[in-house]
């Protein structure tokens, strides 16, 4: 991840080379991490490990961002069914 202040660029954990700046994580001082896909806050991982779904839509590209977020931060889950049930 490339650091730019409290925002880091999310790197793919699949075969893709980059998300080209379209997936970022806001790292709050309190330890919360919020996934931003394009310009939309999508998912928050609180410092105590609680997940909060911030966006209730679905797209294949954003799901790739979510899956990489989960892989990067050790969250069990991922995939469309998991997302819909979150």
PDB file of N, CA and C in Angstrom:
ATOM      1  N   UNK A   1       0.841  -1.178   0.000  1.00  0.00           N
ATOM      2  CA  UNK A   1       0.000   0.000   0.000  1.00  0.00           C
ATOM      3  C   UNK A   1       0.885   1.240   0.000  1.00  0.00           C
ATOM      4  N   UNK A   2       0.496   2.207  -0.760  1.00  0.00           N
ATOM      5  CA  UNK A   2       1.219   3.464  -0.806  1.00  0.00           C
ATOM      6  C   UNK A   2       0.581   4.429   0.173  1.00  0.00           C
ATOM      7  N   UNK A   3       1.380   5.028   1.005  1.00  0.00           N
ATOM      8  CA  UNK A   3       0.847   5.902   2.046  1.00  0.00           C
ATOM      9  C   UNK A   3       0.814   7.339   1.560  1.00  0.00           C
ATOM     10  N   UNK A   4      -0.304   8.008   1.805  1.00  0.00           N
ATOM     11  CA  UNK A   4      -0.464   9.426   1.503  1.00  0.00           C
ATOM     12  C   UNK A   4      -1.261  10.021   2.660  1.00  0.00           C
ATOM     13  N   UNK A   5      -0.570  10.466   3.704  1.00  0.00           N
ATOM     14  CA  UNK A   5      -1.261  10.969   4.888  1.00  0.00           C
ATOM     15  C   UNK A   5      -1.991   9.833   5.560  1.00  0.00           C
ATOM     16  N   UNK A   6      -3.295  10.006   5.806  1.00  0.00           N
ATOM     17  CA  UNK A   6      -4.072   8.943   6.440  1.00  0.00           C
ATOM     18  C   UNK A   6      -4.872   8.134   5.422  1.00  0.00           C
ATOM     19  N   UNK A   7      -4.526   8.274   4.146  1.00  0.00           N
ATOM     20  CA  UNK A   7      -5.191   7.521   3.084  1.00  0.00           C
ATOM     21  C   UNK A   7      -4.149   6.651   2.397  1.00  0.00           C
ATOM     22  N   UNK A   8      -4.474   5.360   2.269  1.00  0.00           N
ATOM     23  CA  UNK A   8      -3.563   4.445   1.592  1.00  0.00           C
ATOM     24  C   UNK A   8      -4.271   3.858   0.380  1.00  0.00           C
ATOM     25  N   UNK A   9      -3.493   3.606  -0.642  1.00  0.00           N
ATOM     26  CA  UNK A   9      -4.027   2.986  -1.842  1.00  0.00           C
ATOM     27  C   UNK A   9      -4.097   1.484  -1.603  1.00  0.00           C
ATOM     28  N   UNK A  10      -5.250   0.888  -1.839  1.00  0.00           N
ATOM     29  CA  UNK A  10      -5.422  -0.545  -1.657  1.00  0.00           C
ATOM     30  C   UNK A  10      -4.822  -1.277  -2.850  1.00  0.00           C
ATOM     31  N   UNK A  11      -4.048  -2.292  -2.575  1.00  0.00           N
ATOM     32  CA  UNK A  11      -3.450  -3.117  -3.626  1.00  0.00           C
ATOM     33  C   UNK A  11      -4.300  -4.366  -3.827  1.00  0.00           C
ATOM     34  N   UNK A  12      -4.427  -4.818  -5.057  1.00  0.00           N
ATOM     35  CA  UNK A  12      -5.182  -6.048  -5.326  1.00  0.00           C
ATOM     36  C   UNK A  12      -4.502  -7.259  -4.680  1.00  0.00           C
ATOM     37  N   UNK A  13      -5.303  -8.218  -4.268  1.00  0.00           N
ATOM     38  CA  UNK A  13      -4.762  -9.466  -3.742  1.00  0.00           C
ATOM     39  C   UNK A  13      -5.075 -10.620  -4.692  1.00  0.00           C
ATOM     40  N   UNK A  14      -5.588 -10.269  -5.878  1.00  0.00           N
ATOM     41  CA  UNK A  14      -5.815 -11.279  -6.905  1.00  0.00           C
ATOM     42  C   UNK A  14      -4.766 -11.074  -7.999  1.00  0.00           C
ATOM     43  N   UNK A  15      -5.039 -11.472  -9.207  1.00  0.00           N
ATOM     44  CA  UNK A  15      -4.047 -11.420 -10.286  1.00  0.00           C
ATOM     45  C   UNK A  15      -3.852 -10.023 -10.897  1.00  0.00           C
ATOM     46  N   UNK A  16      -4.661  -9.054 -10.503  1.00  0.00           N
ATOM     47  CA  UNK A  16      -4.538  -7.714 -11.076  1.00  0.00           C
ATOM     48  C   UNK A  16      -3.306  -7.006 -10.522  1.00  0.00           C
ATOM     49  N   UNK A  17      -2.765  -6.105 -11.321  1.00  0.00           N
ATOM     50  CA  UNK A  17      -1.573  -5.372 -10.896  1.00  0.00           C
ATOM     51  C   UNK A  17      -1.909  -4.174 -10.032  1.00  0.00           C
ATOM     52  N   UNK A  18      -3.051  -3.538 -10.295  1.00  0.00           N
ATOM     53  CA  UNK A  18      -3.382  -2.306  -9.591  1.00  0.00           C
ATOM     54  C   UNK A  18      -4.871  -2.024  -9.714  1.00  0.00           C
ATOM     55  N   UNK A  19      -5.361  -1.220  -8.785  1.00  0.00           N
ATOM     56  CA  UNK A  19      -6.723  -0.682  -8.898  1.00  0.00           C
ATOM     57  C   UNK A  19      -6.661   0.746  -9.460  1.00  0.00           C
ATOM     58  N   UNK A  20      -5.466   1.215  -9.805  1.00  0.00           N
ATOM     59  CA  UNK A  20      -5.270   2.516 -10.431  1.00  0.00           C
ATOM     60  C   UNK A  20      -5.878   3.663  -9.624  1.00  0.00           C
ATOM     61  N   UNK A  21      -5.728   3.577  -8.308  1.00  0.00           N
ATOM     62  CA  UNK A  21      -6.180   4.649  -7.427  1.00  0.00           C
ATOM     63  C   UNK A  21      -7.673   4.670  -7.164  1.00  0.00           C
ATOM     64  N   UNK A  22      -8.393   3.671  -7.640  1.00  0.00           N
ATOM     65  CA  UNK A  22      -9.856   3.667  -7.477  1.00  0.00           C
ATOM     66  C   UNK A  22     -10.305   3.014  -6.186  1.00  0.00           C
ATOM     67  N   UNK A  23      -9.377   2.406  -5.439  1.00  0.00           N
ATOM     68  CA  UNK A  23      -9.700   1.791  -4.145  1.00  0.00           C
ATOM     69  C   UNK A  23      -8.697   2.304  -3.124  1.00  0.00           C
ATOM     70  N   UNK A  24      -9.226   2.969  -2.092  1.00  0.00           N
ATOM     71  CA  UNK A  24      -8.370   3.547  -1.070  1.00  0.00           C
ATOM     72  C   UNK A  24      -8.923   3.192   0.306  1.00  0.00           C
ATOM     73  N   UNK A  25      -8.054   3.280   1.298  1.00  0.00           N
ATOM     74  CA  UNK A  25      -8.471   3.014   2.668  1.00  0.00           C
ATOM     75  C   UNK A  25      -8.122   4.235   3.508  1.00  0.00           C
ATOM     76  N   UNK A  26      -9.113   4.773   4.182  1.00  0.00           N
ATOM     77  CA  UNK A  26      -8.905   5.882   5.113  1.00  0.00           C
ATOM     78  C   UNK A  26      -8.572   5.255   6.465  1.00  0.00           C
ATOM     79  N   UNK A  27      -7.396   5.586   6.971  1.00  0.00           N
ATOM     80  CA  UNK A  27      -6.928   5.067   8.254  1.00  0.00           C
ATOM     81  C   UNK A  27      -7.141   6.165   9.294  1.00  0.00           C
ATOM     82  N   UNK A  28      -8.143   6.003  10.141  1.00  0.00           N
ATOM     83  CA  UNK A  28      -8.456   7.005  11.162  1.00  0.00           C
ATOM     84  C   UNK A  28      -7.492   6.874  12.335  1.00  0.00           C
ATOM     85  N   UNK A  29      -7.311   7.976  13.039  1.00  0.00           N
ATOM     86  CA  UNK A  29      -6.422   7.971  14.198  1.00  0.00           C
ATOM     87  C   UNK A  29      -6.880   6.996  15.268  1.00  0.00           C
ATOM     88  N   UNK A  30      -8.182   6.732  15.351  1.00  0.00           N
ATOM     89  CA  UNK A  30      -8.702   5.808  16.369  1.00  0.00           C
ATOM     90  C   UNK A  30      -8.562   4.340  15.964  1.00  0.00           C
ATOM     91  N   UNK A  31      -7.979   4.074  14.786  1.00  0.00           N
ATOM     92  CA  UNK A  31      -7.752   2.711  14.327  1.00  0.00           C
ATOM     93  C   UNK A  31      -8.783   2.184  13.357  1.00  0.00           C
ATOM     94  N   UNK A  32      -9.866   2.933  13.119  1.00  0.00           N
ATOM     95  CA  UNK A  32     -10.868   2.518  12.133  1.00  0.00           C
ATOM     96  C   UNK A  32     -10.267   2.579  10.733  1.00  0.00           C
ATOM     97  N   UNK A  33     -10.719   1.669   9.873  1.00  0.00           N
ATOM     98  CA  UNK A  33     -10.293   1.632   8.471  1.00  0.00           C
ATOM     99  C   UNK A  33     -11.541   1.621   7.604  1.00  0.00           C
ATOM    100  N   UNK A  34     -11.636   2.567   6.679  1.00  0.00           N
ATOM    101  CA  UNK A  34     -12.803   2.670   5.811  1.00  0.00           C
ATOM    102  C   UNK A  34     -12.384   2.506   4.365  1.00  0.00           C
ATOM    103  N   UNK A  35     -13.002   1.560   3.678  1.00  0.00           N
ATOM    104  CA  UNK A  35     -12.748   1.330   2.261  1.00  0.00           C
ATOM    105  C   UNK A  35     -13.536   2.340   1.444  1.00  0.00           C
ATOM    106  N   UNK A  36     -12.835   3.024   0.543  1.00  0.00           N
ATOM    107  CA  UNK A  36     -13.457   3.943  -0.408  1.00  0.00           C
ATOM    108  C   UNK A  36     -13.263   3.343  -1.795  1.00  0.00           C
ATOM    109  N   UNK A  37     -14.367   3.036  -2.473  1.00  0.00           N
ATOM    110  CA  UNK A  37     -14.316   2.523  -3.832  1.00  0.00           C
ATOM    111  C   UNK A  37     -14.783   3.645  -4.751  1.00  0.00           C
ATOM    112  N   UNK A  38     -13.901   4.058  -5.644  1.00  0.00           N
ATOM    113  CA  UNK A  38     -14.113   5.259  -6.450  1.00  0.00           C
ATOM    114  C   UNK A  38     -14.278   6.427  -5.467  1.00  0.00           C
ATOM    115  N   UNK A  39     -15.459   6.965  -5.266  1.00  0.00           N
ATOM    116  CA  UNK A  39     -15.654   8.062  -4.303  1.00  0.00           C
ATOM    117  C   UNK A  39     -16.637   7.679  -3.196  1.00  0.00           C
ATOM    118  N   UNK A  40     -17.012   6.400  -3.137  1.00  0.00           N
ATOM    119  CA  UNK A  40     -18.051   5.953  -2.212  1.00  0.00           C
ATOM    120  C   UNK A  40     -17.483   5.191  -1.020  1.00  0.00           C
ATOM    121  N   UNK A  41     -17.780   5.622   0.204  1.00  0.00           N
ATOM    122  CA  UNK A  41     -17.433   4.809   1.375  1.00  0.00           C
ATOM    123  C   UNK A  41     -18.256   3.519   1.330  1.00  0.00           C
ATOM    124  N   UNK A  42     -17.578   2.372   1.417  1.00  0.00           N
ATOM    125  CA  UNK A  42     -18.219   1.087   1.190  1.00  0.00           C
ATOM    126  C   UNK A  42     -18.292   0.231   2.453  1.00  0.00           C
ATOM    127  N   UNK A  43     -17.200   0.155   3.182  1.00  0.00           N
ATOM    128  CA  UNK A  43     -17.106  -0.777   4.300  1.00  0.00           C
ATOM    129  C   UNK A  43     -16.154  -0.206   5.337  1.00  0.00           C
ATOM    130  N   UNK A  44     -16.540  -0.328   6.616  1.00  0.00           N
ATOM    131  CA  UNK A  44     -15.670   0.156   7.690  1.00  0.00           C
ATOM    132  C   UNK A  44     -15.334  -0.996   8.623  1.00  0.00           C
ATOM    133  N   UNK A  45     -14.062  -1.098   8.956  1.00  0.00           N
ATOM    134  CA  UNK A  45     -13.573  -2.026   9.958  1.00  0.00           C
ATOM    135  C   UNK A  45     -13.164  -1.186  11.155  1.00  0.00           C
ATOM    136  N   UNK A  46     -13.904  -1.307  12.246  1.00  0.00           N
ATOM    137  CA  UNK A  46     -13.593  -0.509  13.432  1.00  0.00           C
ATOM    138  C   UNK A  46     -12.372  -1.085  14.133  1.00  0.00           C
ATOM    139  N   UNK A  47     -11.784  -0.282  14.980  1.00  0.00           N
ATOM    140  CA  UNK A  47     -10.588  -0.692  15.704  1.00  0.00           C
ATOM    141  C   UNK A  47     -10.840  -1.938  16.542  1.00  0.00           C
ATOM    142  N   UNK A  48     -12.089  -2.154  16.960  1.00  0.00           N
ATOM    143  CA  UNK A  48     -12.405  -3.338  17.768  1.00  0.00           C
ATOM    144  C   UNK A  48     -12.806  -4.546  16.914  1.00  0.00           C
ATOM    145  N   UNK A  49     -12.666  -4.434  15.575  1.00  0.00           N
ATOM    146  CA  UNK A  49     -12.908  -5.559  14.680  1.00  0.00           C
ATOM    147  C   UNK A  49     -14.313  -5.679  14.129  1.00  0.00           C
ATOM    148  N   UNK A  50     -15.181  -4.739  14.438  1.00  0.00           N
ATOM    149  CA  UNK A  50     -16.567  -4.779  13.947  1.00  0.00           C
ATOM    150  C   UNK A  50     -16.632  -4.248  12.521  1.00  0.00           C
ATOM    151  N   UNK A  51     -17.363  -4.960  11.666  1.00  0.00           N
ATOM    152  CA  UNK A  51     -17.579  -4.517  10.287  1.00  0.00           C
ATOM    153  C   UNK A  51     -18.886  -3.759  10.182  1.00  0.00           C
ATOM    154  N   UNK A  52     -18.856  -2.690   9.405  1.00  0.00           N
ATOM    155  CA  UNK A  52     -20.071  -1.923   9.147  1.00  0.00           C
ATOM    156  C   UNK A  52     -20.185  -1.696   7.643  1.00  0.00           C
ATOM    157  N   UNK A  53     -21.266  -2.183   7.073  1.00  0.00           N
ATOM    158  CA  UNK A  53     -21.542  -2.000   5.653  1.00  0.00           C
ATOM    159  C   UNK A  53     -22.055  -0.578   5.462  1.00  0.00           C
ATOM    160  N   UNK A  54     -21.370   0.200   4.634  1.00  0.00           N
ATOM    161  CA  UNK A  54     -21.737   1.597   4.418  1.00  0.00           C
ATOM    162  C   UNK A  54     -22.452   1.819   3.087  1.00  0.00           C
ATOM    163  N   UNK A  55     -22.340   0.870   2.187  1.00  0.00           N
ATOM    164  CA  UNK A  55     -22.946   0.967   0.857  1.00  0.00           C
ATOM    165  C   UNK A  55     -23.712  -0.325   0.630  1.00  0.00           C
ATOM    166  N   UNK A  56     -24.933  -0.242   0.166  1.00  0.00           N
ATOM    167  CA  UNK A  56     -25.762  -1.431   0.038  1.00  0.00           C
ATOM    168  C   UNK A  56     -25.952  -1.877  -1.405  1.00  0.00           C
ATOM    169  N   UNK A  57     -25.153  -1.336  -2.293  1.00  0.00           N
ATOM    170  CA  UNK A  57     -25.218  -1.744  -3.691  1.00  0.00           C
ATOM    171  C   UNK A  57     -24.283  -2.908  -3.966  1.00  0.00           C
ATOM    172  N   UNK A  58     -24.155  -3.230  -5.242  1.00  0.00           N
ATOM    173  CA  UNK A  58     -23.235  -4.282  -5.665  1.00  0.00           C
ATOM    174  C   UNK A  58     -22.729  -3.954  -7.053  1.00  0.00           C
ATOM    175  N   UNK A  59     -21.433  -4.131  -7.250  1.00  0.00           N
ATOM    176  CA  UNK A  59     -20.842  -4.135  -8.585  1.00  0.00           C
ATOM    177  C   UNK A  59     -19.646  -5.073  -8.528  1.00  0.00           C
ATOM    178  N   UNK A  60     -19.335  -5.684  -9.638  1.00  0.00           N
ATOM    179  CA  UNK A  60     -18.226  -6.635  -9.683  1.00  0.00           C
ATOM    180  C   UNK A  60     -16.902  -5.951  -9.325  1.00  0.00           C
ATOM    181  N   UNK A  61     -16.695  -4.747  -9.816  1.00  0.00           N
ATOM    182  CA  UNK A  61     -15.451  -4.036  -9.529  1.00  0.00           C
ATOM    183  C   UNK A  61     -15.346  -3.692  -8.052  1.00  0.00           C
ATOM    184  N   UNK A  62     -16.398  -3.162  -7.476  1.00  0.00           N
ATOM    185  CA  UNK A  62     -16.364  -2.833  -6.046  1.00  0.00           C
ATOM    186  C   UNK A  62     -16.211  -4.105  -5.217  1.00  0.00           C
ATOM    187  N   UNK A  63     -16.777  -5.214  -5.664  1.00  0.00           N
ATOM    188  CA  UNK A  63     -16.601  -6.470  -4.936  1.00  0.00           C
ATOM    189  C   UNK A  63     -15.141  -6.887  -4.936  1.00  0.00           C
ATOM    190  N   UNK A  64     -14.421  -6.645  -6.013  1.00  0.00           N
ATOM    191  CA  UNK A  64     -12.974  -6.927  -6.031  1.00  0.00           C
ATOM    192  C   UNK A  64     -12.259  -6.057  -5.008  1.00  0.00           C
ATOM    193  N   UNK A  65     -12.685  -4.796  -4.892  1.00  0.00           N
ATOM    194  CA  UNK A  65     -12.093  -3.910  -3.884  1.00  0.00           C
ATOM    195  C   UNK A  65     -12.383  -4.451  -2.486  1.00  0.00           C
ATOM    196  N   UNK A  66     -13.628  -4.860  -2.248  1.00  0.00           N
ATOM    197  CA  UNK A  66     -14.019  -5.393  -0.940  1.00  0.00           C
ATOM    198  C   UNK A  66     -13.222  -6.657  -0.614  1.00  0.00           C
ATOM    199  N   UNK A  67     -13.090  -7.552  -1.579  1.00  0.00           N
ATOM    200  CA  UNK A  67     -12.337  -8.786  -1.352  1.00  0.00           C
ATOM    201  C   UNK A  67     -10.884  -8.497  -0.992  1.00  0.00           C
ATOM    202  N   UNK A  68     -10.272  -7.537  -1.663  1.00  0.00           N
ATOM    203  CA  UNK A  68      -8.886  -7.181  -1.344  1.00  0.00           C
ATOM    204  C   UNK A  68      -8.781  -6.540   0.038  1.00  0.00           C
ATOM    205  N   UNK A  69      -9.757  -5.716   0.402  1.00  0.00           N
ATOM    206  CA  UNK A  69      -9.806  -5.123   1.736  1.00  0.00           C
ATOM    207  C   UNK A  69      -9.862  -6.235   2.781  1.00  0.00           C
ATOM    208  N   UNK A  70     -10.752  -7.207   2.559  1.00  0.00           N
ATOM    209  CA  UNK A  70     -10.875  -8.331   3.494  1.00  0.00           C
ATOM    210  C   UNK A  70      -9.566  -9.106   3.597  1.00  0.00           C
ATOM    211  N   UNK A  71      -8.955  -9.419   2.469  1.00  0.00           N
ATOM    212  CA  UNK A  71      -7.688 -10.153   2.474  1.00  0.00           C
ATOM    213  C   UNK A  71      -6.593  -9.364   3.186  1.00  0.00           C
ATOM    214  N   UNK A  72      -6.518  -8.082   2.897  1.00  0.00           N
ATOM    215  CA  UNK A  72      -5.468  -7.239   3.459  1.00  0.00           C
ATOM    216  C   UNK A  72      -5.567  -7.137   4.970  1.00  0.00           C
ATOM    217  N   UNK A  73      -6.786  -7.051   5.489  1.00  0.00           N
ATOM    218  CA  UNK A  73      -6.961  -6.831   6.927  1.00  0.00           C
ATOM    219  C   UNK A  73      -7.428  -8.083   7.681  1.00  0.00           C
ATOM    220  N   UNK A  74      -7.319  -9.251   7.044  1.00  0.00           N
ATOM    221  CA  UNK A  74      -7.589 -10.504   7.728  1.00  0.00           C
ATOM    222  C   UNK A  74      -9.038 -10.720   8.126  1.00  0.00           C
ATOM    223  N   UNK A  75      -9.952 -10.245   7.293  1.00  0.00           N
ATOM    224  CA  UNK A  75     -11.382 -10.405   7.551  1.00  0.00           C
ATOM    225  C   UNK A  75     -11.861 -11.684   6.878  1.00  0.00           C
ATOM    226  N   UNK A  76     -12.514 -12.553   7.647  1.00  0.00           N
ATOM    227  CA  UNK A  76     -13.121 -13.740   7.055  1.00  0.00           C
ATOM    228  C   UNK A  76     -14.352 -13.299   6.281  1.00  0.00           C
ATOM    229  N   UNK A  77     -14.386 -13.626   5.016  1.00  0.00           N
ATOM    230  CA  UNK A  77     -15.528 -13.252   4.202  1.00  0.00           C
ATOM    231  C   UNK A  77     -15.089 -12.849   2.815  1.00  0.00           C
ATOM    232  N   UNK A  78     -16.025 -12.365   2.077  1.00  0.00           N
ATOM    233  CA  UNK A  78     -15.780 -11.960   0.709  1.00  0.00           C
ATOM    234  C   UNK A  78     -16.744 -12.673  -0.217  1.00  0.00           C
ATOM    235  N   UNK A  79     -16.920 -12.118  -1.366  1.00  0.00           N
ATOM    236  CA  UNK A  79     -17.835 -12.690  -2.346  1.00  0.00           C
ATOM    237  C   UNK A  79     -19.217 -12.066  -2.263  1.00  0.00           C
ATOM    238  N   UNK A  80     -19.962 -12.230  -3.340  1.00  0.00           N
ATOM    239  CA  UNK A  80     -21.260 -11.580  -3.464  1.00  0.00           C
ATOM    240  C   UNK A  80     -22.254 -12.033  -2.386  1.00  0.00           C
ATOM    241  N   UNK A  81     -22.364 -13.316  -2.140  1.00  0.00           N
ATOM    242  CA  UNK A  81     -23.322 -13.816  -1.149  1.00  0.00           C
ATOM    243  C   UNK A  81     -22.998 -13.272   0.239  1.00  0.00           C
ATOM    244  N   UNK A  82     -21.715 -13.308   0.602  1.00  0.00           N
ATOM    245  CA  UNK A  82     -21.282 -12.775   1.897  1.00  0.00           C
ATOM    246  C   UNK A  82     -21.668 -11.295   2.001  1.00  0.00           C
ATOM    247  N   UNK A  83     -21.392 -10.535   0.941  1.00  0.00           N
ATOM    248  CA  UNK A  83     -21.685  -9.104   0.923  1.00  0.00           C
ATOM    249  C   UNK A  83     -23.176  -8.841   1.102  1.00  0.00           C
ATOM    250  N   UNK A  84     -23.991  -9.583   0.365  1.00  0.00           N
ATOM    251  CA  UNK A  84     -25.441  -9.387   0.451  1.00  0.00           C
ATOM    252  C   UNK A  84     -25.990  -9.715   1.837  1.00  0.00           C
ATOM    253  N   UNK A  85     -25.352 -10.642   2.535  1.00  0.00           N
ATOM    254  CA  UNK A  85     -25.815 -11.038   3.868  1.00  0.00           C
ATOM    255  C   UNK A  85     -25.173 -10.239   5.003  1.00  0.00           C
ATOM    256  N   UNK A  86     -24.213  -9.410   4.694  1.00  0.00           N
ATOM    257  CA  UNK A  86     -23.522  -8.633   5.728  1.00  0.00           C
ATOM    258  C   UNK A  86     -24.444  -7.593   6.342  1.00  0.00           C
TER     259      UNK A  86
END
